[in-house]
């Protein structure tokens, strides 16, 4: 069923046309293709035909490949606006999003295995972007930005993925994070935005704002505060490092107070390849926690990141300590509770910053940090 759905999507959107290999320009070659199968968290099976982007030639098959996503600070500000102005919030997931991007380059692709009605002498000339192409995300963003501006939205300046529309004192925000669109605004404008996007031909899957970017978002019953957590990510930590941290004692702090890790630049006692890979994976998991729901881990994750290229046994031990702390405090999260007094007054912004002095033992650089409060 998943394979047939993919075939129907490709035919409906005229993603490609079939040509003979002998009709290709002499100086061009085909991009490889393959099937990707996945079982999603909701139990749905998905089959997708993708291009092998690693076989594309820079300057021939693509030029620009960068595509922005909504900043995590923007997400938190939108959540504050959601609470203070008591707006409606939904997630509009664009199905087969990358197929909407118009392809500017001439690209030929090998026929995927099992493609009916083709021979080994046939190739596919792509008319639209397809998953796996290096430029697919960039072309999709360009399409969405153009579509939103045609609907009367403005923005894309401070954060290129935040768009806003005002009509008669009512407001609607749209935040883009690849194919996951966060829409927050007055109910009438939100519904009208969904209607217009569908009229533009987008296939949308609408859901409540409770699971976004692998973040569990809980709005309190009195709608005065929001809690952000990442239980799926913590479950991944347990699955990957559970056997190594199970016997460790509980810690009261994320990292060892006052510790400054030293990089093993001379490779005197290098970690094994497997352990080095585990170290990089663990630091990456911590980084995504810091990004969305656990700012208390920021300094510890920063310290561990200094040794990504040449960690020591001490670095690995400190990583396990940090992961143990995360698992033991899995109920922790980020609480957003803005002040609701004097809503019509200018919003108060308070910033605190601090810095030490040349404490890095390798570079003698200082470490600085800041925290910003909005409607404290």
Protein backbone atom coordinates (compact mmCIF):
# COMPACT_ATOMS: atom_id res chain seq x y z
CA UNK A 1 0.00 0.00 0.00
CA UNK A 2 2.85 2.39 0.85
CA UNK A 3 4.59 1.66 -2.47
CA UNK A 4 1.40 2.21 -4.49
CA UNK A 5 0.79 5.51 -2.67
CA UNK A 6 4.27 6.68 -3.65
CA UNK A 7 3.70 5.71 -7.30
CA UNK A 8 0.39 7.58 -7.38
CA UNK A 9 1.95 10.70 -5.83
CA UNK A 10 4.70 10.73 -8.46
CA UNK A 11 2.25 10.30 -11.35
CA UNK A 12 -0.15 12.92 -10.00
CA UNK A 13 2.57 15.54 -9.68
CA UNK A 14 4.35 14.76 -12.99
CA UNK A 15 7.66 14.55 -11.18
CA UNK A 16 9.45 13.05 -14.19
CA UNK A 17 9.20 11.99 -17.79
CA UNK A 18 10.73 8.80 -19.21
CA UNK A 19 13.41 9.21 -21.87
CA UNK A 20 15.87 6.94 -23.65
CA UNK A 21 19.42 6.93 -22.34
CA UNK A 22 20.74 7.62 -25.83
CA UNK A 23 18.85 10.96 -25.87
CA UNK A 24 20.83 12.31 -22.90
CA UNK A 25 23.45 14.99 -23.59
CA UNK A 26 26.91 13.46 -24.00
CA UNK A 27 28.37 15.45 -21.09
CA UNK A 28 25.72 14.42 -18.56
CA UNK A 29 25.35 11.37 -16.36
CA UNK A 30 22.45 9.94 -14.35
CA UNK A 31 21.93 10.47 -10.65
CA UNK A 32 21.37 7.18 -8.84
CA UNK A 33 18.06 6.33 -7.16
CA UNK A 34 16.79 3.91 -4.52
CA UNK A 35 13.81 3.01 -2.34
CA UNK A 36 13.70 4.03 1.33
CA UNK A 37 11.33 2.21 3.68
CA UNK A 38 10.46 3.47 7.16
CA UNK A 39 8.11 2.61 10.02
CA UNK A 40 7.03 5.90 11.62
CA UNK A 41 6.37 6.40 15.35
CA UNK A 42 2.62 6.36 14.74
CA UNK A 43 2.84 2.87 13.20
CA UNK A 44 2.45 4.01 9.57
CA UNK A 45 4.64 2.35 6.92
CA UNK A 46 6.20 4.72 4.42
CA UNK A 47 7.89 3.95 1.12
CA UNK A 48 9.74 6.68 -0.75
CA UNK A 49 11.70 6.92 -3.99
CA UNK A 50 14.77 9.06 -3.37
CA UNK A 51 17.66 10.34 -5.44
CA UNK A 52 21.18 9.60 -4.22
CA UNK A 53 22.40 13.15 -3.74
CA UNK A 54 25.99 12.04 -3.25
CA UNK A 55 26.14 11.20 -6.97
CA UNK A 56 25.26 14.77 -8.01
CA UNK A 57 27.99 16.96 -9.49
CA UNK A 58 28.39 20.46 -7.92
CA UNK A 59 28.07 23.19 -10.51
CA UNK A 60 26.32 20.83 -12.93
CA UNK A 61 23.44 19.21 -11.06
CA UNK A 62 23.04 21.94 -8.44
CA UNK A 63 24.24 25.40 -7.44
CA UNK A 64 22.55 26.65 -4.24
CA UNK A 65 21.74 24.03 -1.60
CA UNK A 66 21.25 25.98 1.64
CA UNK A 67 17.77 26.01 3.18
CA UNK A 68 16.97 27.79 6.48
CA UNK A 69 14.75 26.46 9.27
CA UNK A 70 12.96 28.32 12.04
CA UNK A 71 15.23 29.31 14.92
CA UNK A 72 14.56 27.65 18.28
CA UNK A 73 14.38 31.12 19.89
CA UNK A 74 11.64 32.04 17.42
CA UNK A 75 9.71 28.96 18.51
CA UNK A 76 9.84 29.97 22.16
CA UNK A 77 8.78 33.56 21.35
CA UNK A 78 5.82 32.22 19.37
CA UNK A 79 4.82 30.10 22.36
CA UNK A 80 4.92 33.21 24.56
CA UNK A 81 2.72 35.05 22.04
CA UNK A 82 0.37 32.05 21.97
CA UNK A 83 -0.14 32.27 25.75
CA UNK A 84 -0.27 36.05 26.17
CA UNK A 85 -2.67 36.71 23.29
CA UNK A 86 -4.70 33.45 23.77
CA UNK A 87 -4.38 32.50 20.11
CA UNK A 88 -5.05 29.30 18.19
CA UNK A 89 -2.06 27.06 17.42
CA UNK A 90 -1.84 24.12 15.01
CA UNK A 91 0.76 22.16 13.07
CA UNK A 92 0.25 21.90 9.30
CA UNK A 93 2.41 19.07 7.98
CA UNK A 94 2.89 19.26 4.20
CA UNK A 95 2.78 15.77 2.73
CA UNK A 96 5.43 14.94 0.10
CA UNK A 97 6.73 18.45 0.64
CA UNK A 98 9.86 18.35 -1.52
CA UNK A 99 7.83 17.44 -4.62
CA UNK A 100 6.47 21.01 -4.69
CA UNK A 101 9.86 22.57 -5.38
CA UNK A 102 10.44 23.52 -9.00
CA UNK A 103 13.69 22.13 -10.37
CA UNK A 104 15.83 24.74 -12.12
CA UNK A 105 18.54 22.37 -13.36
CA UNK A 106 18.31 19.60 -15.96
CA UNK A 107 18.79 16.36 -14.04
CA UNK A 108 18.52 12.76 -15.22
CA UNK A 109 17.95 9.93 -12.75
CA UNK A 110 18.22 6.15 -12.98
CA UNK A 111 14.89 4.30 -12.90
CA UNK A 112 14.24 2.98 -9.38
CA UNK A 113 14.25 -0.82 -8.97
CA UNK A 114 10.95 -2.44 -9.89
CA UNK A 115 9.63 0.50 -11.90
CA UNK A 116 6.92 -0.80 -14.20
CA UNK A 117 6.86 -0.04 -17.92
CA UNK A 118 10.58 0.78 -18.26
CA UNK A 119 13.67 -1.00 -19.54
CA UNK A 120 17.36 -0.73 -18.69
CA UNK A 121 17.72 1.71 -21.59
CA UNK A 122 15.27 4.18 -20.01
CA UNK A 123 16.13 7.08 -17.71
CA UNK A 124 14.02 9.66 -15.89
CA UNK A 125 14.32 13.36 -16.59
CA UNK A 126 13.23 15.12 -13.40
CA UNK A 127 10.80 18.00 -13.81
CA UNK A 128 10.25 18.64 -10.09
CA UNK A 129 12.47 18.16 -7.06
CA UNK A 130 12.53 14.78 -5.39
CA UNK A 131 13.68 13.63 -1.97
CA UNK A 132 17.42 13.08 -1.80
CA UNK A 133 18.43 15.84 -4.22
CA UNK A 134 20.91 18.25 -2.66
CA UNK A 135 18.84 21.28 -3.63
CA UNK A 136 15.42 19.81 -2.73
CA UNK A 137 15.07 21.57 0.64
CA UNK A 138 16.23 24.91 -0.79
CA UNK A 139 13.73 24.77 -3.64
CA UNK A 140 10.89 23.80 -1.27
CA UNK A 141 11.69 26.77 1.00
CA UNK A 142 11.69 29.12 -2.01
CA UNK A 143 8.29 27.73 -3.04
CA UNK A 144 6.77 28.14 0.43
CA UNK A 145 8.16 31.65 0.93
CA UNK A 146 6.75 32.74 -2.45
CA UNK A 147 3.39 31.12 -1.67
CA UNK A 148 3.05 32.81 1.73
CA UNK A 149 3.97 36.22 0.33
CA UNK A 150 1.35 35.79 -2.38
CA UNK A 151 -1.19 35.25 0.45
CA UNK A 152 -0.31 38.58 2.07
CA UNK A 153 2.27 37.42 4.60
CA UNK A 154 5.36 39.50 5.28
CA UNK A 155 8.62 38.61 6.97
CA UNK A 156 11.66 36.51 6.30
CA UNK A 157 14.02 39.27 7.50
CA UNK A 158 15.20 38.66 11.08
CA UNK A 159 14.21 35.00 10.86
CA UNK A 160 13.84 33.88 7.23
CA UNK A 161 11.32 31.22 8.29
CA UNK A 162 8.92 33.47 10.23
CA UNK A 163 6.06 35.12 8.34
CA UNK A 164 3.28 37.31 9.76
CA UNK A 165 0.02 38.83 8.49
CA UNK A 166 -2.09 41.55 10.18
CA UNK A 167 -5.73 42.18 9.23
CA UNK A 168 -7.95 44.55 11.24
CA UNK A 169 -6.02 44.09 14.46
CA UNK A 170 -5.87 40.30 14.10
CA UNK A 171 -2.60 38.48 13.53
CA UNK A 172 -1.38 35.17 12.14
CA UNK A 173 2.17 33.79 12.33
CA UNK A 174 3.60 30.98 10.20
CA UNK A 175 6.90 29.36 11.16
CA UNK A 176 8.58 27.03 8.68
CA UNK A 177 10.69 24.08 9.76
CA UNK A 178 11.11 22.13 6.51
CA UNK A 179 7.66 20.54 5.97
CA UNK A 180 6.35 21.16 9.52
CA UNK A 181 4.54 24.49 9.51
CA UNK A 182 3.64 26.05 12.87
CA UNK A 183 0.62 28.33 12.51
CA UNK A 184 -0.35 30.57 15.44
CA UNK A 185 -2.94 33.31 15.25
CA UNK A 186 -6.53 34.39 15.68
CA UNK A 187 -8.83 31.45 14.81
CA UNK A 188 -10.38 33.12 11.74
CA UNK A 189 -6.99 33.91 10.20
CA UNK A 190 -5.59 30.45 10.98
CA UNK A 191 -8.56 28.76 9.29
CA UNK A 192 -8.30 31.12 6.32
CA UNK A 193 -4.56 30.41 5.99
CA UNK A 194 -5.21 26.65 5.91
CA UNK A 195 -7.94 27.16 3.31
CA UNK A 196 -5.70 29.28 1.07
CA UNK A 197 -2.78 26.83 1.31
CA UNK A 198 -5.06 24.01 0.21
CA UNK A 199 -6.36 26.12 -2.65
CA UNK A 200 -2.72 26.51 -3.74
CA UNK A 201 -2.60 22.73 -4.09
CA UNK A 202 -0.77 21.78 -0.90
CA UNK A 203 -1.82 18.54 0.80
CA UNK A 204 -1.87 19.32 4.53
CA UNK A 205 -2.16 17.12 7.58
CA UNK A 206 -3.48 19.24 10.46
CA UNK A 207 -2.76 18.37 14.10
CA UNK A 208 -2.76 20.06 17.49
CA UNK A 209 0.38 21.67 18.87
CA UNK A 210 1.39 18.86 21.21
CA UNK A 211 4.32 17.20 19.41
CA UNK A 212 6.57 19.48 17.37
CA UNK A 213 10.17 18.83 16.29
CA UNK A 214 10.21 15.78 18.60
CA UNK A 215 9.25 18.07 21.49
CA UNK A 216 6.32 17.20 23.72
CA UNK A 217 4.40 20.46 24.27
CA UNK A 218 1.84 20.61 27.08
CA UNK A 219 -0.42 23.64 27.65
CA UNK A 220 -1.74 23.94 31.20
CA UNK A 221 -5.49 23.77 31.82
CA UNK A 222 -5.64 27.46 32.68
CA UNK A 223 -3.64 28.24 29.50
CA UNK A 224 -1.11 30.33 31.41
CA UNK A 225 2.01 28.20 30.92
CA UNK A 226 3.60 25.73 28.49
CA UNK A 227 5.92 22.83 29.27
CA UNK A 228 8.44 21.52 26.72
CA UNK A 229 10.03 18.10 27.06
CA UNK A 230 11.73 15.56 24.80
CA UNK A 231 10.84 12.07 26.11
CA UNK A 232 11.53 10.44 22.74
CA UNK A 233 15.12 11.69 22.80
CA UNK A 234 15.68 10.56 26.38
CA UNK A 235 14.35 7.12 25.40
CA UNK A 236 16.98 7.04 22.63
CA UNK A 237 19.67 7.82 25.21
CA UNK A 238 18.49 4.94 27.40
CA UNK A 239 18.47 2.54 24.43
CA UNK A 240 21.96 3.52 23.34
CA UNK A 241 23.79 4.12 26.63
CA UNK A 242 21.58 2.37 29.19
CA UNK A 243 23.98 -0.52 29.86
CA UNK A 244 26.89 1.89 30.46
CA UNK A 245 25.14 4.29 32.84
CA UNK A 246 22.94 1.87 34.75
CA UNK A 247 25.44 1.29 37.58
CA UNK A 248 26.44 4.92 38.06
CA UNK A 249 25.31 6.81 41.13
CA UNK A 250 22.93 9.73 40.95
CA UNK A 251 24.38 13.22 40.50
CA UNK A 252 22.98 16.57 41.61
CA UNK A 253 24.60 18.56 38.78
CA UNK A 254 24.82 17.89 35.02
CA UNK A 255 28.63 18.09 34.97
CA UNK A 256 31.53 18.07 37.39
CA UNK A 257 31.76 21.59 38.91
CA UNK A 258 34.80 23.51 37.76
CA UNK A 259 35.96 20.78 35.37
CA UNK A 260 37.83 21.81 32.20
CA UNK A 261 38.45 18.95 29.79
CA UNK A 262 41.73 18.70 27.87
CA UNK A 263 41.84 17.44 24.30
CA UNK A 264 44.10 14.50 23.44
CA UNK A 265 45.80 16.38 20.59
CA UNK A 266 48.84 14.09 20.53
CA UNK A 267 46.61 10.99 20.40
CA UNK A 268 48.52 9.48 23.35
CA UNK A 269 45.61 7.33 24.53
CA UNK A 270 43.03 7.52 21.73
CA UNK A 271 39.58 6.05 22.21
CA UNK A 272 38.60 3.09 20.09
CA UNK A 273 36.70 3.86 16.88
CA UNK A 274 33.48 2.50 18.37
CA UNK A 275 33.87 4.50 21.57
CA UNK A 276 34.74 7.66 19.66
CA UNK A 277 31.58 7.24 17.57
CA UNK A 278 29.51 6.72 20.73
CA UNK A 279 31.03 9.87 22.24
CA UNK A 280 30.10 12.01 19.24
CA UNK A 281 26.60 10.53 19.18
CA UNK A 282 26.08 11.20 22.89
CA UNK A 283 27.23 14.83 22.63
CA UNK A 284 24.91 15.30 19.66
CA UNK A 285 21.93 13.96 21.61
CA UNK A 286 22.74 16.34 24.47
CA UNK A 287 23.00 19.22 22.02
CA UNK A 288 19.47 18.64 20.74
CA UNK A 289 18.17 18.51 24.31
CA UNK A 290 19.88 21.84 25.07
CA UNK A 291 18.46 23.37 21.90
CA UNK A 292 14.81 22.86 22.84
CA UNK A 293 14.08 21.83 26.43
CA UNK A 294 17.12 21.50 28.72
CA UNK A 295 19.14 24.73 29.00
CA UNK A 296 20.54 23.43 32.30
CA UNK A 297 22.76 21.08 30.28
CA UNK A 298 24.27 23.85 28.12
CA UNK A 299 27.60 24.33 29.93
CA UNK A 300 28.22 20.61 30.29
CA UNK A 301 27.44 20.00 26.61
CA UNK A 302 29.70 22.89 25.60
CA UNK A 303 32.59 21.43 27.59
CA UNK A 304 32.12 17.99 26.03
CA UNK A 305 31.94 19.48 22.53
CA UNK A 306 35.53 20.78 22.81
CA UNK A 307 36.82 17.21 22.59
CA UNK A 308 34.75 15.91 19.69
CA UNK A 309 37.77 15.36 17.43
CA UNK A 310 40.10 13.85 20.04
CA UNK A 311 38.30 12.86 23.27
CA UNK A 312 40.02 11.20 26.22
CA UNK A 313 38.81 8.58 28.69
CA UNK A 314 38.11 11.47 31.08
CA UNK A 315 35.89 13.06 28.42
CA UNK A 316 33.99 9.82 27.91
CA UNK A 317 33.53 9.38 31.65
CA UNK A 318 32.17 12.93 31.90
CA UNK A 319 29.77 12.18 29.03
CA UNK A 320 28.37 9.15 30.88
CA UNK A 321 27.94 11.29 34.00
CA UNK A 322 25.94 13.84 32.01
CA UNK A 323 23.78 11.18 30.36
CA UNK A 324 23.11 9.59 33.75
CA UNK A 325 21.94 12.97 35.07
CA UNK A 326 19.62 13.39 32.07
CA UNK A 327 18.04 9.96 32.55
CA UNK A 328 17.59 10.53 36.29
CA UNK A 329 15.90 13.90 35.62
CA UNK A 330 13.84 12.83 32.60
CA UNK A 331 10.80 14.60 34.03
CA UNK A 332 12.63 17.95 33.74
CA UNK A 333 11.73 20.29 30.92
CA UNK A 334 11.45 23.93 29.95
CA UNK A 335 8.55 25.84 31.49
CA UNK A 336 7.36 28.95 29.68
CA UNK A 337 5.18 31.09 31.95
CA UNK A 338 5.01 34.71 30.79
CA UNK A 339 3.53 37.49 32.89
CA UNK A 340 -0.08 38.19 31.91
CA UNK A 341 -0.40 41.53 33.74
CA UNK A 342 -0.57 44.72 31.66
CA UNK A 343 -0.81 42.79 28.39
CA UNK A 344 -1.24 45.97 26.33
CA UNK A 345 1.97 47.58 27.62
CA UNK A 346 5.29 47.21 25.75
CA UNK A 347 6.83 43.81 26.38
CA UNK A 348 9.67 43.80 28.88
CA UNK A 349 12.97 42.23 27.81
CA UNK A 350 15.69 41.51 30.39
CA UNK A 351 19.14 40.11 29.54
CA UNK A 352 21.77 38.77 31.95
CA UNK A 353 25.30 37.94 30.84
CA UNK A 354 28.53 36.80 32.45
CA UNK A 355 31.97 35.54 31.52
CA UNK A 356 34.94 33.87 33.18
CA UNK A 357 38.53 34.76 32.36
CA UNK A 358 40.78 32.50 30.24
CA UNK A 359 39.76 29.22 31.87
CA UNK A 360 40.15 26.97 28.82
CA UNK A 361 43.38 25.00 29.46
CA UNK A 362 44.02 24.46 25.73
CA UNK A 363 43.35 27.91 24.25
CA UNK A 364 43.15 30.19 27.32
CA UNK A 365 39.95 31.60 25.90
CA UNK A 366 37.16 32.91 28.08
CA UNK A 367 33.72 31.33 28.27
CA UNK A 368 30.72 33.66 28.14
CA UNK A 369 27.01 33.09 28.41
CA UNK A 370 23.74 34.97 28.48
CA UNK A 371 20.06 34.45 29.24
CA UNK A 372 17.20 36.52 27.87
CA UNK A 373 13.77 36.85 29.49
CA UNK A 374 10.69 38.00 27.55
CA UNK A 375 7.71 39.20 29.63
CA UNK A 376 9.42 38.07 32.83
